[in-house]
């Protein structure tokens, strides 16, 4: 039960952060100075949530053997987590080189 609660919260947070980053992304080039840090933070948060989803799913798969009924749920978790990570990497490639460090 703890796993499903963790994945539910992390998936919601990651999905919301990814949506916020997608909404800010088109305006990044025009308003780069003002949106650089908020965009970078929400994109990084979405990627971090994706990594947590993948780790939690892999740990559950290694720890517990479940039947065929849970396979679609695990598949969704893997696809959603990987999608968050890939989208975050694409978004952060626009930010790379613009940060002061």
N, C-alpha and C. Protein backbone atom coordinates (compact mmCIF):
# COMPACT_ATOMS: atom_id res chain seq x y z
N UNK A 1 0.81 -1.20 0.00
CA UNK A 1 0.00 0.00 0.00
C UNK A 1 0.85 1.26 0.00
N UNK A 2 1.99 1.21 0.69
CA UNK A 2 2.86 2.38 0.73
C UNK A 2 3.40 2.71 -0.66
N UNK A 3 3.69 1.67 -1.46
CA UNK A 3 4.21 1.88 -2.79
C UNK A 3 3.19 2.62 -3.65
N UNK A 4 1.95 2.21 -3.59
CA UNK A 4 0.94 2.85 -4.43
C UNK A 4 0.71 4.30 -3.99
N UNK A 5 0.78 4.56 -2.69
CA UNK A 5 0.64 5.93 -2.23
C UNK A 5 1.79 6.80 -2.69
N UNK A 6 3.01 6.27 -2.62
CA UNK A 6 4.19 7.00 -3.07
C UNK A 6 4.09 7.29 -4.56
N UNK A 7 3.79 6.26 -5.34
CA UNK A 7 3.72 6.45 -6.79
C UNK A 7 2.59 7.39 -7.19
N UNK A 8 1.50 7.35 -6.46
CA UNK A 8 0.39 8.26 -6.77
C UNK A 8 0.80 9.70 -6.54
N UNK A 9 1.43 9.96 -5.40
CA UNK A 9 1.85 11.34 -5.10
C UNK A 9 2.95 11.82 -6.05
N UNK A 10 3.93 10.97 -6.29
CA UNK A 10 5.04 11.36 -7.17
C UNK A 10 4.57 11.52 -8.61
N UNK A 11 3.67 10.66 -9.05
CA UNK A 11 3.14 10.77 -10.41
C UNK A 11 2.34 12.06 -10.58
N UNK A 12 1.54 12.39 -9.58
CA UNK A 12 0.78 13.65 -9.65
C UNK A 12 1.67 14.86 -9.66
N UNK A 13 2.68 14.87 -8.79
CA UNK A 13 3.61 16.00 -8.74
C UNK A 13 4.42 16.10 -10.03
N UNK A 14 4.91 14.96 -10.51
CA UNK A 14 5.69 14.95 -11.75
C UNK A 14 4.88 15.36 -12.97
N UNK A 15 3.66 14.87 -13.04
CA UNK A 15 2.79 15.25 -14.16
C UNK A 15 2.45 16.73 -14.14
N UNK A 16 2.20 17.26 -12.94
CA UNK A 16 1.90 18.70 -12.82
C UNK A 16 3.12 19.54 -13.18
N UNK A 17 4.29 19.12 -12.72
CA UNK A 17 5.52 19.85 -13.04
C UNK A 17 5.81 19.80 -14.54
N UNK A 18 5.60 18.64 -15.14
CA UNK A 18 5.83 18.51 -16.59
C UNK A 18 4.86 19.38 -17.38
N UNK A 19 3.61 19.43 -16.94
CA UNK A 19 2.63 20.28 -17.60
C UNK A 19 3.00 21.76 -17.47
N UNK A 20 3.43 22.16 -16.28
CA UNK A 20 3.86 23.55 -16.08
C UNK A 20 5.06 23.88 -16.96
N UNK A 21 6.01 22.95 -17.06
CA UNK A 21 7.17 23.18 -17.91
C UNK A 21 6.77 23.25 -19.38
N UNK A 22 5.83 22.40 -19.79
CA UNK A 22 5.36 22.46 -21.18
C UNK A 22 4.67 23.79 -21.49
N UNK A 23 3.96 24.33 -20.51
CA UNK A 23 3.29 25.62 -20.72
C UNK A 23 4.29 26.78 -20.75
N UNK A 24 5.39 26.67 -20.02
CA UNK A 24 6.40 27.73 -19.99
C UNK A 24 7.39 27.65 -21.15
N UNK A 25 7.58 26.47 -21.69
CA UNK A 25 8.61 26.24 -22.69
C UNK A 25 8.53 27.16 -23.91
N UNK A 26 7.35 27.39 -24.50
CA UNK A 26 7.30 28.27 -25.68
C UNK A 26 7.71 29.72 -25.38
N UNK A 27 7.54 30.15 -24.14
CA UNK A 27 7.85 31.53 -23.78
C UNK A 27 9.28 31.71 -23.29
N UNK A 28 10.05 30.62 -23.23
CA UNK A 28 11.40 30.69 -22.69
C UNK A 28 12.32 31.56 -23.53
N UNK A 29 12.23 31.47 -24.83
CA UNK A 29 13.13 32.25 -25.70
C UNK A 29 12.81 33.75 -25.66
N UNK A 30 11.54 34.08 -25.55
CA UNK A 30 11.15 35.48 -25.53
C UNK A 30 11.42 36.14 -24.18
N UNK A 31 11.07 35.44 -23.10
CA UNK A 31 11.23 35.98 -21.74
C UNK A 31 12.26 35.17 -20.97
N UNK A 32 13.40 34.92 -21.58
CA UNK A 32 14.40 34.02 -21.02
C UNK A 32 14.87 34.37 -19.62
N UNK A 33 15.17 35.63 -19.37
CA UNK A 33 15.67 36.03 -18.05
C UNK A 33 14.66 35.77 -16.95
N UNK A 34 13.42 36.11 -17.18
CA UNK A 34 12.40 35.98 -16.13
C UNK A 34 11.95 34.54 -15.94
N UNK A 35 11.96 33.74 -16.99
CA UNK A 35 11.43 32.38 -16.91
C UNK A 35 12.51 31.31 -16.78
N UNK A 36 13.77 31.68 -16.80
CA UNK A 36 14.84 30.68 -16.81
C UNK A 36 14.81 29.80 -15.57
N UNK A 37 14.82 30.40 -14.39
CA UNK A 37 14.84 29.62 -13.16
C UNK A 37 13.53 28.87 -12.91
N UNK A 38 12.36 29.50 -13.05
CA UNK A 38 11.13 28.71 -12.84
C UNK A 38 11.01 27.53 -13.81
N UNK A 39 11.36 27.76 -15.07
CA UNK A 39 11.29 26.71 -16.06
C UNK A 39 12.28 25.59 -15.74
N UNK A 40 13.49 25.96 -15.40
CA UNK A 40 14.50 24.96 -15.06
C UNK A 40 14.12 24.14 -13.84
N UNK A 41 13.54 24.79 -12.85
CA UNK A 41 13.14 24.08 -11.62
C UNK A 41 12.00 23.10 -11.86
N UNK A 42 10.97 23.51 -12.59
CA UNK A 42 9.85 22.59 -12.82
C UNK A 42 10.25 21.46 -13.77
N UNK A 43 11.13 21.75 -14.73
CA UNK A 43 11.61 20.69 -15.62
C UNK A 43 12.46 19.69 -14.85
N UNK A 44 13.33 20.18 -13.96
CA UNK A 44 14.15 19.28 -13.15
C UNK A 44 13.30 18.48 -12.18
N UNK A 45 12.28 19.10 -11.61
CA UNK A 45 11.38 18.40 -10.70
C UNK A 45 10.64 17.28 -11.42
N UNK A 46 10.20 17.54 -12.63
CA UNK A 46 9.51 16.50 -13.42
C UNK A 46 10.46 15.34 -13.71
N UNK A 47 11.70 15.64 -14.06
CA UNK A 47 12.68 14.58 -14.31
C UNK A 47 12.99 13.78 -13.06
N UNK A 48 13.12 14.46 -11.93
CA UNK A 48 13.39 13.77 -10.67
C UNK A 48 12.22 12.85 -10.29
N UNK A 49 11.02 13.31 -10.49
CA UNK A 49 9.84 12.47 -10.23
C UNK A 49 9.84 11.25 -11.15
N UNK A 50 10.23 11.43 -12.39
CA UNK A 50 10.32 10.30 -13.32
C UNK A 50 11.33 9.27 -12.86
N UNK A 51 12.48 9.72 -12.37
CA UNK A 51 13.49 8.80 -11.87
C UNK A 51 12.98 8.05 -10.64
N UNK A 52 12.30 8.75 -9.74
CA UNK A 52 11.74 8.10 -8.56
C UNK A 52 10.70 7.04 -8.95
N UNK A 53 9.87 7.35 -9.93
CA UNK A 53 8.87 6.38 -10.39
C UNK A 53 9.55 5.14 -10.95
N UNK A 54 10.60 5.33 -11.75
CA UNK A 54 11.31 4.19 -12.32
C UNK A 54 11.99 3.35 -11.25
N UNK A 55 12.60 4.00 -10.27
CA UNK A 55 13.29 3.27 -9.19
C UNK A 55 12.28 2.50 -8.35
N UNK A 56 11.18 3.14 -7.99
CA UNK A 56 10.17 2.47 -7.17
C UNK A 56 9.55 1.29 -7.91
N UNK A 57 9.31 1.43 -9.18
CA UNK A 57 8.75 0.33 -9.98
C UNK A 57 9.74 -0.81 -10.11
N UNK A 58 11.01 -0.48 -10.37
CA UNK A 58 12.03 -1.53 -10.48
C UNK A 58 12.21 -2.25 -9.15
N UNK A 59 12.19 -1.52 -8.04
CA UNK A 59 12.32 -2.15 -6.73
C UNK A 59 11.14 -3.06 -6.45
N UNK A 60 9.95 -2.64 -6.82
CA UNK A 60 8.77 -3.48 -6.61
C UNK A 60 8.82 -4.73 -7.48
N UNK A 61 9.29 -4.58 -8.70
CA UNK A 61 9.38 -5.74 -9.59
C UNK A 61 10.41 -6.74 -9.07
N UNK A 62 11.50 -6.26 -8.50
CA UNK A 62 12.53 -7.15 -7.98
C UNK A 62 12.10 -7.81 -6.68
N UNK A 63 11.34 -7.10 -5.88
CA UNK A 63 10.97 -7.59 -4.56
C UNK A 63 9.76 -8.53 -4.58
N UNK A 64 8.77 -8.24 -5.40
CA UNK A 64 7.53 -9.01 -5.39
C UNK A 64 7.22 -9.57 -6.77
N UNK A 65 6.81 -10.80 -6.77
CA UNK A 65 6.31 -11.41 -8.01
C UNK A 65 4.80 -11.33 -7.96
N UNK A 66 4.23 -10.69 -8.95
CA UNK A 66 2.77 -10.56 -9.00
C UNK A 66 2.26 -11.18 -10.28
N UNK A 67 0.98 -11.33 -10.35
CA UNK A 67 0.36 -11.97 -11.50
C UNK A 67 0.27 -11.05 -12.70
N UNK A 68 -0.40 -11.54 -13.71
CA UNK A 68 -0.54 -10.81 -14.97
C UNK A 68 -1.43 -9.58 -14.83
N UNK A 69 -2.24 -9.51 -13.78
CA UNK A 69 -3.16 -8.38 -13.63
C UNK A 69 -2.44 -7.07 -13.35
N UNK A 70 -1.25 -7.13 -12.77
CA UNK A 70 -0.53 -5.92 -12.42
C UNK A 70 0.41 -5.45 -13.55
N UNK A 71 0.63 -6.26 -14.55
CA UNK A 71 1.54 -5.89 -15.65
C UNK A 71 1.16 -4.59 -16.36
N UNK A 72 -0.11 -4.35 -16.66
CA UNK A 72 -0.44 -3.06 -17.31
C UNK A 72 -0.13 -1.85 -16.42
N UNK A 73 -0.29 -2.01 -15.11
CA UNK A 73 0.02 -0.92 -14.20
C UNK A 73 1.52 -0.66 -14.18
N UNK A 74 2.30 -1.72 -14.10
CA UNK A 74 3.76 -1.56 -14.15
C UNK A 74 4.20 -0.97 -15.48
N UNK A 75 3.59 -1.41 -16.55
CA UNK A 75 3.92 -0.86 -17.87
C UNK A 75 3.63 0.63 -17.93
N UNK A 76 2.50 1.04 -17.38
CA UNK A 76 2.18 2.46 -17.35
C UNK A 76 3.21 3.23 -16.53
N UNK A 77 3.58 2.68 -15.37
CA UNK A 77 4.56 3.35 -14.52
C UNK A 77 5.90 3.52 -15.25
N UNK A 78 6.33 2.49 -15.96
CA UNK A 78 7.60 2.56 -16.68
C UNK A 78 7.53 3.58 -17.81
N UNK A 79 6.46 3.55 -18.58
CA UNK A 79 6.32 4.49 -19.70
C UNK A 79 6.19 5.93 -19.20
N UNK A 80 5.40 6.13 -18.15
CA UNK A 80 5.19 7.47 -17.61
C UNK A 80 6.48 8.02 -17.00
N UNK A 81 7.18 7.20 -16.22
CA UNK A 81 8.44 7.63 -15.62
C UNK A 81 9.49 7.94 -16.66
N UNK A 82 9.63 7.08 -17.66
CA UNK A 82 10.60 7.32 -18.72
C UNK A 82 10.21 8.55 -19.54
N UNK A 83 8.93 8.74 -19.76
CA UNK A 83 8.48 9.93 -20.49
C UNK A 83 8.81 11.21 -19.75
N UNK A 84 8.62 11.21 -18.43
CA UNK A 84 8.98 12.38 -17.64
C UNK A 84 10.47 12.67 -17.71
N UNK A 85 11.28 11.63 -17.63
CA UNK A 85 12.74 11.81 -17.69
C UNK A 85 13.15 12.34 -19.06
N UNK A 86 12.65 11.76 -20.12
CA UNK A 86 13.03 12.19 -21.48
C UNK A 86 12.56 13.61 -21.77
N UNK A 87 11.34 13.93 -21.39
CA UNK A 87 10.83 15.28 -21.60
C UNK A 87 11.66 16.29 -20.82
N UNK A 88 12.01 15.94 -19.60
CA UNK A 88 12.82 16.82 -18.77
C UNK A 88 14.20 17.05 -19.40
N UNK A 89 14.80 16.00 -19.93
CA UNK A 89 16.11 16.15 -20.57
C UNK A 89 16.02 17.06 -21.80
N UNK A 90 14.96 16.92 -22.58
CA UNK A 90 14.77 17.81 -23.73
C UNK A 90 14.61 19.26 -23.30
N UNK A 91 13.82 19.47 -22.27
CA UNK A 91 13.57 20.84 -21.79
C UNK A 91 14.82 21.44 -21.18
N UNK A 92 15.56 20.65 -20.41
CA UNK A 92 16.75 21.17 -19.76
C UNK A 92 17.89 21.43 -20.74
N UNK A 93 17.81 20.82 -21.93
CA UNK A 93 18.84 21.11 -22.94
C UNK A 93 18.71 22.56 -23.43
N UNK A 94 17.52 23.14 -23.36
CA UNK A 94 17.36 24.55 -23.70
C UNK A 94 17.92 25.47 -22.62
N UNK A 95 17.95 25.00 -21.39
CA UNK A 95 18.43 25.80 -20.26
C UNK A 95 19.95 25.71 -20.15
N UNK A 96 20.53 24.60 -20.59
CA UNK A 96 21.96 24.38 -20.44
C UNK A 96 22.76 25.52 -21.07
N UNK A 97 23.73 26.00 -20.34
CA UNK A 97 24.57 27.08 -20.82
C UNK A 97 24.06 28.47 -20.47
N UNK A 98 22.82 28.59 -20.02
CA UNK A 98 22.26 29.89 -19.67
C UNK A 98 22.34 30.18 -18.18
N UNK A 99 22.57 29.12 -17.39
CA UNK A 99 22.64 29.31 -15.93
C UNK A 99 24.03 29.83 -15.56
N UNK A 100 24.14 30.58 -14.48
CA UNK A 100 25.41 31.20 -14.14
C UNK A 100 26.47 30.26 -13.61
N UNK A 101 26.15 29.01 -13.34
CA UNK A 101 27.18 28.09 -12.84
C UNK A 101 27.44 26.97 -13.78
